[in-house]
Amino acid sequence: MILYHGSNIAIDEINLEFSKPNKDFGKGFYLSESKEQAQQMAA
């Protein structure tokens, strides 16, 4: 399975200190199966 993260920078390590607490499912590192959705989030 390939998953994508909507970011416009390279991420070498997941650090939840940078995540926002009030997202849909709380603090976390969100991924998508959709490359297009991740690209939209990074824009």
C-alpha atoms as a PDB file:
ATOM      1  CA  MET A   1       0.000   0.000   0.000  1.00  0.00           C
ATOM      2  CA  ILE A   2       1.285   3.449  -0.925  1.00  0.00           C
ATOM      3  CA  LEU A   3       0.229   6.368   1.263  1.00  0.00           C
ATOM      4  CA  TYR A   4       0.816  10.084   0.718  1.00  0.00           C
ATOM      5  CA  HIS A   5       1.206  13.002   3.116  1.00  0.00           C
ATOM      6  CA  GLY A   6       0.116  16.492   2.021  1.00  0.00           C
ATOM      7  CA  SER A   7       3.290  18.455   2.678  1.00  0.00           C
ATOM      8  CA  ASN A   8       5.407  20.816   0.622  1.00  0.00           C
ATOM      9  CA  ILE A   9       8.634  19.869   2.440  1.00  0.00           C
ATOM     10  CA  ALA A  10      10.556  16.606   2.819  1.00  0.00           C
ATOM     11  CA  ILE A  11       9.770  14.763   6.051  1.00  0.00           C
ATOM     12  CA  ASP A  12      12.499  12.461   7.323  1.00  0.00           C
ATOM     13  CA  GLU A  13      10.912  11.710  10.678  1.00  0.00           C
ATOM     14  CA  ILE A  14       7.361  12.023  12.037  1.00  0.00           C
ATOM     15  CA  ASN A  15       7.242  14.517  14.917  1.00  0.00           C
ATOM     16  CA  LEU A  16       3.783  14.980  16.412  1.00  0.00           C
ATOM     17  CA  GLU A  17       4.929  18.176  18.161  1.00  0.00           C
ATOM     18  CA  PHE A  18       4.235  19.919  14.830  1.00  0.00           C
ATOM     19  CA  SER A  19       0.712  18.523  14.439  1.00  0.00           C
ATOM     20  CA  LYS A  20      -2.333  20.626  15.209  1.00  0.00           C
ATOM     21  CA  PRO A  21      -4.596  19.336  18.017  1.00  0.00           C
ATOM     22  CA  ASN A  22      -7.962  20.302  16.504  1.00  0.00           C
ATOM     23  CA  LYS A  23      -7.918  18.330  13.252  1.00  0.00           C
ATOM     24  CA  ASP A  24     -10.715  15.902  12.267  1.00  0.00           C
ATOM     25  CA  PHE A  25      -9.350  12.996  14.302  1.00  0.00           C
ATOM     26  CA  GLY A  26      -7.194  14.939  16.767  1.00  0.00           C
ATOM     27  CA  LYS A  27      -3.444  15.340  16.869  1.00  0.00           C
ATOM     28  CA  GLY A  28      -1.720  13.038  14.410  1.00  0.00           C
ATOM     29  CA  PHE A  29       0.115  12.488  11.132  1.00  0.00           C
ATOM     30  CA  TYR A  30      -2.524  12.263   8.408  1.00  0.00           C
ATOM     31  CA  LEU A  31      -2.018  10.170   5.271  1.00  0.00           C
ATOM     32  CA  SER A  32      -4.104   9.494   2.182  1.00  0.00           C
ATOM     33  CA  GLU A  33      -4.286   6.780  -0.434  1.00  0.00           C
ATOM     34  CA  SER A  34      -5.002   9.558  -2.949  1.00  0.00           C
ATOM     35  CA  LYS A  35      -1.945  11.269  -4.421  1.00  0.00           C
ATOM     36  CA  GLU A  36      -4.193  14.017  -5.786  1.00  0.00           C
ATOM     37  CA  GLN A  37      -5.695  14.747  -2.345  1.00  0.00           C
ATOM     38  CA  ALA A  38      -2.203  14.970  -0.790  1.00  0.00           C
ATOM     39  CA  GLN A  39      -1.058  17.323  -3.562  1.00  0.00           C
ATOM     40  CA  GLN A  40      -4.063  19.577  -2.910  1.00  0.00           C
ATOM     41  CA  MET A  41      -3.249  19.687   0.816  1.00  0.00           C
ATOM     42  CA  ALA A  42       0.382  20.607   0.050  1.00  0.00           C
ATOM     43  CA  ALA A  43      -0.588  23.488  -2.242  1.00  0.00           C
END
